[in-house]
Amino acid sequence: TDYLCGLLSLLGLALWLIFNQGNLAIALSIAAD
């Protein structure tokens, strides 16, 4: 489960890189965190 949560977190960060929108990045960073 630790690794699964880590993977979900990295997915959120990857989505930020894909969309590259400031507010979306903050929201996805919160979700990733």
PDB file of all heavy atoms in Angstrom:
ATOM      1  N   THR A   1       0.828  -1.214   0.000  1.00  0.00           N
ATOM      2  CA  THR A   1       0.000   0.000   0.000  1.00  0.00           C
ATOM      3  C   THR A   1       0.862   1.264   0.000  1.00  0.00           C
ATOM      4  O   THR A   1       0.474   2.271  -0.586  1.00  0.00           O
ATOM      5  CB  THR A   1      -0.947   0.025   1.220  1.00  0.00           C
ATOM      6  OG1 THR A   1      -0.182  -0.165   2.413  1.00  0.00           O
ATOM      7  CG2 THR A   1      -2.019  -1.031   1.114  1.00  0.00           C
ATOM      8  N   ASP A   2       2.030   1.214   0.642  1.00  0.00           N
ATOM      9  CA  ASP A   2       2.937   2.364   0.630  1.00  0.00           C
ATOM     10  C   ASP A   2       3.360   2.680  -0.806  1.00  0.00           C
ATOM     11  O   ASP A   2       3.340   3.827  -1.237  1.00  0.00           O
ATOM     12  CB  ASP A   2       4.196   2.085   1.468  1.00  0.00           C
ATOM     13  CG  ASP A   2       3.877   1.840   2.929  1.00  0.00           C
ATOM     14  OD1 ASP A   2       2.926   2.459   3.445  1.00  0.00           O
ATOM     15  OD2 ASP A   2       4.571   1.028   3.551  1.00  0.00           O
ATOM     16  N   TYR A   3       3.733   1.625  -1.524  1.00  0.00           N
ATOM     17  CA  TYR A   3       4.163   1.817  -2.912  1.00  0.00           C
ATOM     18  C   TYR A   3       3.000   2.258  -3.810  1.00  0.00           C
ATOM     19  O   TYR A   3       3.182   3.074  -4.711  1.00  0.00           O
ATOM     20  CB  TYR A   3       4.811   0.539  -3.457  1.00  0.00           C
ATOM     21  CG  TYR A   3       6.132   0.240  -2.797  1.00  0.00           C
ATOM     22  CD1 TYR A   3       6.271  -0.853  -1.946  1.00  0.00           C
ATOM     23  CD2 TYR A   3       7.242   1.051  -3.005  1.00  0.00           C
ATOM     24  CE1 TYR A   3       7.488  -1.128  -1.330  1.00  0.00           C
ATOM     25  CE2 TYR A   3       8.457   0.789  -2.391  1.00  0.00           C
ATOM     26  CZ  TYR A   3       8.571  -0.304  -1.555  1.00  0.00           C
ATOM     27  OH  TYR A   3       9.769  -0.567  -0.936  1.00  0.00           O
ATOM     28  N   LEU A   4       1.809   1.735  -3.555  1.00  0.00           N
ATOM     29  CA  LEU A   4       0.634   2.133  -4.323  1.00  0.00           C
ATOM     30  C   LEU A   4       0.344   3.623  -4.120  1.00  0.00           C
ATOM     31  O   LEU A   4       0.099   4.349  -5.089  1.00  0.00           O
ATOM     32  CB  LEU A   4      -0.585   1.297  -3.926  1.00  0.00           C
ATOM     33  CG  LEU A   4      -1.883   1.623  -4.655  1.00  0.00           C
ATOM     34  CD1 LEU A   4      -1.744   1.417  -6.159  1.00  0.00           C
ATOM     35  CD2 LEU A   4      -3.032   0.770  -4.124  1.00  0.00           C
ATOM     36  N   CYS A   5       0.382   4.076  -2.869  1.00  0.00           N
ATOM     37  CA  CYS A   5       0.176   5.502  -2.592  1.00  0.00           C
ATOM     38  C   CYS A   5       1.270   6.340  -3.246  1.00  0.00           C
ATOM     39  O   CYS A   5       1.007   7.416  -3.780  1.00  0.00           O
ATOM     40  CB  CYS A   5       0.141   5.756  -1.090  1.00  0.00           C
ATOM     41  SG  CYS A   5      -1.340   5.113  -0.301  1.00  0.00           S
ATOM     42  N   GLY A   6       2.482   5.834  -3.224  1.00  0.00           N
ATOM     43  CA  GLY A   6       3.582   6.536  -3.883  1.00  0.00           C
ATOM     44  C   GLY A   6       3.357   6.646  -5.377  1.00  0.00           C
ATOM     45  O   GLY A   6       3.592   7.696  -5.981  1.00  0.00           O
ATOM     46  N   LEU A   7       2.863   5.578  -5.979  1.00  0.00           N
ATOM     47  CA  LEU A   7       2.566   5.580  -7.412  1.00  0.00           C
ATOM     48  C   LEU A   7       1.466   6.589  -7.737  1.00  0.00           C
ATOM     49  O   LEU A   7       1.567   7.342  -8.715  1.00  0.00           O
ATOM     50  CB  LEU A   7       2.161   4.172  -7.863  1.00  0.00           C
ATOM     51  CG  LEU A   7       1.901   3.986  -9.351  1.00  0.00           C
ATOM     52  CD1 LEU A   7       3.164   4.255 -10.151  1.00  0.00           C
ATOM     53  CD2 LEU A   7       1.404   2.570  -9.614  1.00  0.00           C
ATOM     54  N   LEU A   8       0.399   6.614  -6.916  1.00  0.00           N
ATOM     55  CA  LEU A   8      -0.671   7.596  -7.129  1.00  0.00           C
ATOM     56  C   LEU A   8      -0.143   9.017  -7.000  1.00  0.00           C
ATOM     57  O   LEU A   8      -0.521   9.917  -7.752  1.00  0.00           O
ATOM     58  CB  LEU A   8      -1.808   7.369  -6.122  1.00  0.00           C
ATOM     59  CG  LEU A   8      -2.648   6.122  -6.346  1.00  0.00           C
ATOM     60  CD1 LEU A   8      -3.608   5.909  -5.180  1.00  0.00           C
ATOM     61  CD2 LEU A   8      -3.424   6.225  -7.652  1.00  0.00           C
ATOM     62  N   SER A   9       0.749   9.221  -6.048  1.00  0.00           N
ATOM     63  CA  SER A   9       1.345  10.530  -5.870  1.00  0.00           C
ATOM     64  C   SER A   9       2.156  10.933  -7.098  1.00  0.00           C
ATOM     65  O   SER A   9       2.047  12.056  -7.598  1.00  0.00           O
ATOM     66  CB  SER A   9       2.236  10.528  -4.625  1.00  0.00           C
ATOM     67  OG  SER A   9       2.787  11.794  -4.409  1.00  0.00           O
ATOM     68  N   LEU A  10       2.959  10.013  -7.600  1.00  0.00           N
ATOM     69  CA  LEU A  10       3.758  10.307  -8.795  1.00  0.00           C
ATOM     70  C   LEU A  10       2.866  10.552 -10.016  1.00  0.00           C
ATOM     71  O   LEU A  10       3.190  11.382 -10.862  1.00  0.00           O
ATOM     72  CB  LEU A  10       4.740   9.170  -9.059  1.00  0.00           C
ATOM     73  CG  LEU A  10       5.893   9.065  -8.064  1.00  0.00           C
ATOM     74  CD1 LEU A  10       6.708   7.798  -8.323  1.00  0.00           C
ATOM     75  CD2 LEU A  10       6.782  10.299  -8.118  1.00  0.00           C
ATOM     76  N   LEU A  11       1.734   9.841 -10.084  1.00  0.00           N
ATOM     77  CA  LEU A  11       0.784  10.068 -11.171  1.00  0.00           C
ATOM     78  C   LEU A  11       0.252  11.496 -11.131  1.00  0.00           C
ATOM     79  O   LEU A  11       0.174  12.174 -12.163  1.00  0.00           O
ATOM     80  CB  LEU A  11      -0.372   9.067 -11.085  1.00  0.00           C
ATOM     81  CG  LEU A  11      -1.481   9.232 -12.124  1.00  0.00           C
ATOM     82  CD1 LEU A  11      -0.949   9.001 -13.531  1.00  0.00           C
ATOM     83  CD2 LEU A  11      -2.622   8.279 -11.823  1.00  0.00           C
ATOM     84  N   GLY A  12      -0.084  11.969  -9.935  1.00  0.00           N
ATOM     85  CA  GLY A  12      -0.545  13.348  -9.794  1.00  0.00           C
ATOM     86  C   GLY A  12       0.508  14.344 -10.242  1.00  0.00           C
ATOM     87  O   GLY A  12       0.210  15.333 -10.914  1.00  0.00           O
ATOM     88  N   LEU A  13       1.753  14.072  -9.901  1.00  0.00           N
ATOM     89  CA  LEU A  13       2.838  14.963 -10.315  1.00  0.00           C
ATOM     90  C   LEU A  13       3.054  14.902 -11.830  1.00  0.00           C
ATOM     91  O   LEU A  13       3.313  15.926 -12.468  1.00  0.00           O
ATOM     92  CB  LEU A  13       4.115  14.608  -9.565  1.00  0.00           C
ATOM     93  CG  LEU A  13       4.049  14.786  -8.048  1.00  0.00           C
ATOM     94  CD1 LEU A  13       5.333  14.312  -7.393  1.00  0.00           C
ATOM     95  CD2 LEU A  13       3.769  16.238  -7.687  1.00  0.00           C
ATOM     96  N   ALA A  14       2.915  13.717 -12.409  1.00  0.00           N
ATOM     97  CA  ALA A  14       3.061  13.571 -13.862  1.00  0.00           C
ATOM     98  C   ALA A  14       1.965  14.349 -14.589  1.00  0.00           C
ATOM     99  O   ALA A  14       2.219  14.989 -15.613  1.00  0.00           O
ATOM    100  CB  ALA A  14       3.027  12.104 -14.256  1.00  0.00           C
ATOM    101  N   LEU A  15       0.738  14.302 -14.055  1.00  0.00           N
ATOM    102  CA  LEU A  15      -0.357  15.058 -14.668  1.00  0.00           C
ATOM    103  C   LEU A  15      -0.060  16.557 -14.649  1.00  0.00           C
ATOM    104  O   LEU A  15      -0.380  17.268 -15.597  1.00  0.00           O
ATOM    105  CB  LEU A  15      -1.682  14.760 -13.953  1.00  0.00           C
ATOM    106  CG  LEU A  15      -2.244  13.374 -14.184  1.00  0.00           C
ATOM    107  CD1 LEU A  15      -3.450  13.122 -13.281  1.00  0.00           C
ATOM    108  CD2 LEU A  15      -2.631  13.185 -15.655  1.00  0.00           C
ATOM    109  N   TRP A  16       0.568  17.016 -13.574  1.00  0.00           N
ATOM    110  CA  TRP A  16       0.950  18.421 -13.518  1.00  0.00           C
ATOM    111  C   TRP A  16       1.906  18.759 -14.659  1.00  0.00           C
ATOM    112  O   TRP A  16       1.760  19.769 -15.336  1.00  0.00           O
ATOM    113  CB  TRP A  16       1.603  18.769 -12.186  1.00  0.00           C
ATOM    114  CG  TRP A  16       2.219  20.127 -12.216  1.00  0.00           C
ATOM    115  CD1 TRP A  16       1.570  21.326 -12.188  1.00  0.00           C
ATOM    116  CD2 TRP A  16       3.600  20.434 -12.333  1.00  0.00           C
ATOM    117  NE1 TRP A  16       2.471  22.355 -12.267  1.00  0.00           N
ATOM    118  CE2 TRP A  16       3.726  21.824 -12.354  1.00  0.00           C
ATOM    119  CE3 TRP A  16       4.752  19.657 -12.407  1.00  0.00           C
ATOM    120  CZ2 TRP A  16       4.953  22.470 -12.451  1.00  0.00           C
ATOM    121  CZ3 TRP A  16       5.966  20.291 -12.500  1.00  0.00           C
ATOM    122  CH2 TRP A  16       6.051  21.673 -12.530  1.00  0.00           C
ATOM    123  N   LEU A  17       2.895  17.884 -14.881  1.00  0.00           N
ATOM    124  CA  LEU A  17       3.867  18.139 -15.943  1.00  0.00           C
ATOM    125  C   LEU A  17       3.195  18.144 -17.321  1.00  0.00           C
ATOM    126  O   LEU A  17       3.567  18.925 -18.189  1.00  0.00           O
ATOM    127  CB  LEU A  17       4.974  17.085 -15.906  1.00  0.00           C
ATOM    128  CG  LEU A  17       5.915  17.163 -14.708  1.00  0.00           C
ATOM    129  CD1 LEU A  17       6.835  15.944 -14.667  1.00  0.00           C
ATOM    130  CD2 LEU A  17       6.720  18.444 -14.733  1.00  0.00           C
ATOM    131  N   ILE A  18       2.203  17.288 -17.483  1.00  0.00           N
ATOM    132  CA  ILE A  18       1.507  17.199 -18.770  1.00  0.00           C
ATOM    133  C   ILE A  18       0.686  18.464 -19.025  1.00  0.00           C
ATOM    134  O   ILE A  18       0.748  19.055 -20.096  1.00  0.00           O
ATOM    135  CB  ILE A  18       0.604  15.950 -18.822  1.00  0.00           C
ATOM    136  CG1 ILE A  18       1.470  14.684 -18.846  1.00  0.00           C
ATOM    137  CG2 ILE A  18      -0.335  15.991 -20.028  1.00  0.00           C
ATOM    138  CD1 ILE A  18       0.704  13.396 -18.589  1.00  0.00           C
ATOM    139  N   PHE A  19      -0.104  18.901 -18.024  1.00  0.00           N
ATOM    140  CA  PHE A  19      -1.006  20.030 -18.225  1.00  0.00           C
ATOM    141  C   PHE A  19      -0.332  21.381 -18.006  1.00  0.00           C
ATOM    142  O   PHE A  19      -0.748  22.376 -18.565  1.00  0.00           O
ATOM    143  CB  PHE A  19      -2.242  19.896 -17.329  1.00  0.00           C
ATOM    144  CG  PHE A  19      -3.104  18.738 -17.729  1.00  0.00           C
ATOM    145  CD1 PHE A  19      -3.169  17.602 -16.941  1.00  0.00           C
ATOM    146  CD2 PHE A  19      -3.826  18.769 -18.898  1.00  0.00           C
ATOM    147  CE1 PHE A  19      -3.954  16.520 -17.307  1.00  0.00           C
ATOM    148  CE2 PHE A  19      -4.614  17.697 -19.289  1.00  0.00           C
ATOM    149  CZ  PHE A  19      -4.681  16.574 -18.491  1.00  0.00           C
ATOM    150  N   ASN A  20       0.690  21.437 -17.162  1.00  0.00           N
ATOM    151  CA  ASN A  20       1.497  22.632 -16.934  1.00  0.00           C
ATOM    152  C   ASN A  20       0.660  23.890 -16.683  1.00  0.00           C
ATOM    153  O   ASN A  20       0.934  24.949 -17.240  1.00  0.00           O
ATOM    154  CB  ASN A  20       2.464  22.844 -18.109  1.00  0.00           C
ATOM    155  CG  ASN A  20       3.597  23.766 -17.721  1.00  0.00           C
ATOM    156  OD1 ASN A  20       3.874  23.973 -16.544  1.00  0.00           O
ATOM    157  ND2 ASN A  20       4.246  24.324 -18.720  1.00  0.00           N
ATOM    158  N   GLN A  21      -0.365  23.773 -15.874  1.00  0.00           N
ATOM    159  CA  GLN A  21      -1.194  24.898 -15.471  1.00  0.00           C
ATOM    160  C   GLN A  21      -0.952  25.169 -13.990  1.00  0.00           C
ATOM    161  O   GLN A  21      -1.012  24.245 -13.179  1.00  0.00           O
ATOM    162  CB  GLN A  21      -2.682  24.595 -15.699  1.00  0.00           C
ATOM    163  CG  GLN A  21      -3.044  24.364 -17.137  1.00  0.00           C
ATOM    164  CD  GLN A  21      -2.960  25.632 -17.961  1.00  0.00           C
ATOM    165  OE1 GLN A  21      -3.327  26.703 -17.490  1.00  0.00           O
ATOM    166  NE2 GLN A  21      -2.449  25.524 -19.161  1.00  0.00           N
ATOM    167  N   GLY A  22      -0.705  26.429 -13.616  1.00  0.00           N
ATOM    168  CA  GLY A  22      -0.361  26.779 -12.251  1.00  0.00           C
ATOM    169  C   GLY A  22      -1.330  26.276 -11.194  1.00  0.00           C
ATOM    170  O   GLY A  22      -0.945  25.554 -10.273  1.00  0.00           O
ATOM    171  N   ASN A  23      -2.617  26.654 -11.289  1.00  0.00           N
ATOM    172  CA  ASN A  23      -3.602  26.243 -10.285  1.00  0.00           C
ATOM    173  C   ASN A  23      -3.822  24.734 -10.298  1.00  0.00           C
ATOM    174  O   ASN A  23      -3.986  24.112  -9.250  1.00  0.00           O
ATOM    175  CB  ASN A  23      -4.936  26.966 -10.484  1.00  0.00           C
ATOM    176  CG  ASN A  23      -4.873  28.400 -10.007  1.00  0.00           C
ATOM    177  OD1 ASN A  23      -4.024  28.769  -9.201  1.00  0.00           O
ATOM    178  ND2 ASN A  23      -5.774  29.214 -10.519  1.00  0.00           N
ATOM    179  N   LEU A  24      -3.814  24.146 -11.495  1.00  0.00           N
ATOM    180  CA  LEU A  24      -3.952  22.696 -11.593  1.00  0.00           C
ATOM    181  C   LEU A  24      -2.755  22.013 -10.944  1.00  0.00           C
ATOM    182  O   LEU A  24      -2.893  21.006 -10.253  1.00  0.00           O
ATOM    183  CB  LEU A  24      -4.093  22.264 -13.058  1.00  0.00           C
ATOM    184  CG  LEU A  24      -4.275  20.770 -13.298  1.00  0.00           C
ATOM    185  CD1 LEU A  24      -5.536  20.247 -12.607  1.00  0.00           C
ATOM    186  CD2 LEU A  24      -4.328  20.478 -14.791  1.00  0.00           C
ATOM    187  N   ALA A  25      -1.574  22.596 -11.146  1.00  0.00           N
ATOM    188  CA  ALA A  25      -0.365  22.035 -10.532  1.00  0.00           C
ATOM    189  C   ALA A  25      -0.473  22.056  -9.016  1.00  0.00           C
ATOM    190  O   ALA A  25      -0.110  21.088  -8.346  1.00  0.00           O
ATOM    191  CB  ALA A  25       0.867  22.822 -10.980  1.00  0.00           C
ATOM    192  N   ILE A  26      -0.990  23.134  -8.464  1.00  0.00           N
ATOM    193  CA  ILE A  26      -1.137  23.232  -7.013  1.00  0.00           C
ATOM    194  C   ILE A  26      -2.151  22.201  -6.521  1.00  0.00           C
ATOM    195  O   ILE A  26      -1.902  21.479  -5.551  1.00  0.00           O
ATOM    196  CB  ILE A  26      -1.516  24.666  -6.605  1.00  0.00           C
ATOM    197  CG1 ILE A  26      -0.330  25.603  -6.885  1.00  0.00           C
ATOM    198  CG2 ILE A  26      -1.923  24.732  -5.136  1.00  0.00           C
ATOM    199  CD1 ILE A  26      -0.678  27.066  -6.862  1.00  0.00           C
ATOM    200  N   ALA A  27      -3.283  22.094  -7.205  1.00  0.00           N
ATOM    201  CA  ALA A  27      -4.305  21.115  -6.817  1.00  0.00           C
ATOM    202  C   ALA A  27      -3.764  19.690  -6.924  1.00  0.00           C
ATOM    203  O   ALA A  27      -3.979  18.868  -6.025  1.00  0.00           O
ATOM    204  CB  ALA A  27      -5.550  21.285  -7.689  1.00  0.00           C
ATOM    205  N   LEU A  28      -3.054  19.389  -8.002  1.00  0.00           N
ATOM    206  CA  LEU A  28      -2.492  18.047  -8.167  1.00  0.00           C
ATOM    207  C   LEU A  28      -1.373  17.783  -7.159  1.00  0.00           C
ATOM    208  O   LEU A  28      -1.212  16.660  -6.688  1.00  0.00           O
ATOM    209  CB  LEU A  28      -1.985  17.850  -9.596  1.00  0.00           C
ATOM    210  CG  LEU A  28      -3.082  17.730 -10.661  1.00  0.00           C
ATOM    211  CD1 LEU A  28      -2.480  17.742 -12.062  1.00  0.00           C
ATOM    212  CD2 LEU A  28      -3.905  16.465 -10.449  1.00  0.00           C
ATOM    213  N   SER A  29      -0.625  18.825  -6.807  1.00  0.00           N
ATOM    214  CA  SER A  29       0.421  18.657  -5.794  1.00  0.00           C
ATOM    215  C   SER A  29      -0.193  18.355  -4.437  1.00  0.00           C
ATOM    216  O   SER A  29       0.340  17.550  -3.669  1.00  0.00           O
ATOM    217  CB  SER A  29       1.297  19.907  -5.710  1.00  0.00           C
ATOM    218  OG  SER A  29       2.084  20.025  -6.852  1.00  0.00           O
ATOM    219  N   ILE A  30      -1.325  18.989  -4.137  1.00  0.00           N
ATOM    220  CA  ILE A  30      -2.029  18.698  -2.889  1.00  0.00           C
ATOM    221  C   ILE A  30      -2.506  17.251  -2.895  1.00  0.00           C
ATOM    222  O   ILE A  30      -2.323  16.517  -1.923  1.00  0.00           O
ATOM    223  CB  ILE A  30      -3.194  19.684  -2.673  1.00  0.00           C
ATOM    224  CG1 ILE A  30      -2.649  21.078  -2.360  1.00  0.00           C
ATOM    225  CG2 ILE A  30      -4.128  19.208  -1.556  1.00  0.00           C
ATOM    226  CD1 ILE A  30      -3.695  22.179  -2.389  1.00  0.00           C
ATOM    227  N   ALA A  31      -3.104  16.831  -4.018  1.00  0.00           N
ATOM    228  CA  ALA A  31      -3.575  15.446  -4.125  1.00  0.00           C
ATOM    229  C   ALA A  31      -2.404  14.472  -4.025  1.00  0.00           C
ATOM    230  O   ALA A  31      -2.495  13.444  -3.344  1.00  0.00           O
ATOM    231  CB  ALA A  31      -4.319  15.241  -5.449  1.00  0.00           C
ATOM    232  N   ALA A  32      -1.295  14.801  -4.666  1.00  0.00           N
ATOM    233  CA  ALA A  32      -0.112  13.947  -4.614  1.00  0.00           C
ATOM    234  C   ALA A  32       0.447  13.893  -3.198  1.00  0.00           C
ATOM    235  O   ALA A  32       0.840  12.831  -2.711  1.00  0.00           O
ATOM    236  CB  ALA A  32       0.950  14.455  -5.586  1.00  0.00           C
ATOM    237  N   ASP A  33       0.469  15.023  -2.525  1.00  0.00           N
ATOM    238  CA  ASP A  33       0.975  15.070  -1.160  1.00  0.00           C
ATOM    239  C   ASP A  33       0.094  14.242  -0.230  1.00  0.00           C
ATOM    240  O   ASP A  33       0.595  13.516   0.625  1.00  0.00           O
ATOM    241  CB  ASP A  33       1.042  16.526  -0.681  1.00  0.00           C
ATOM    242  CG  ASP A  33       1.865  16.673   0.578  1.00  0.00           C
ATOM    243  OD1 ASP A  33       1.292  16.545   1.675  1.00  0.00           O
ATOM    244  OD2 ASP A  33       3.073  16.918   0.463  1.00  0.00           O
TER     245      ASP A  33
END
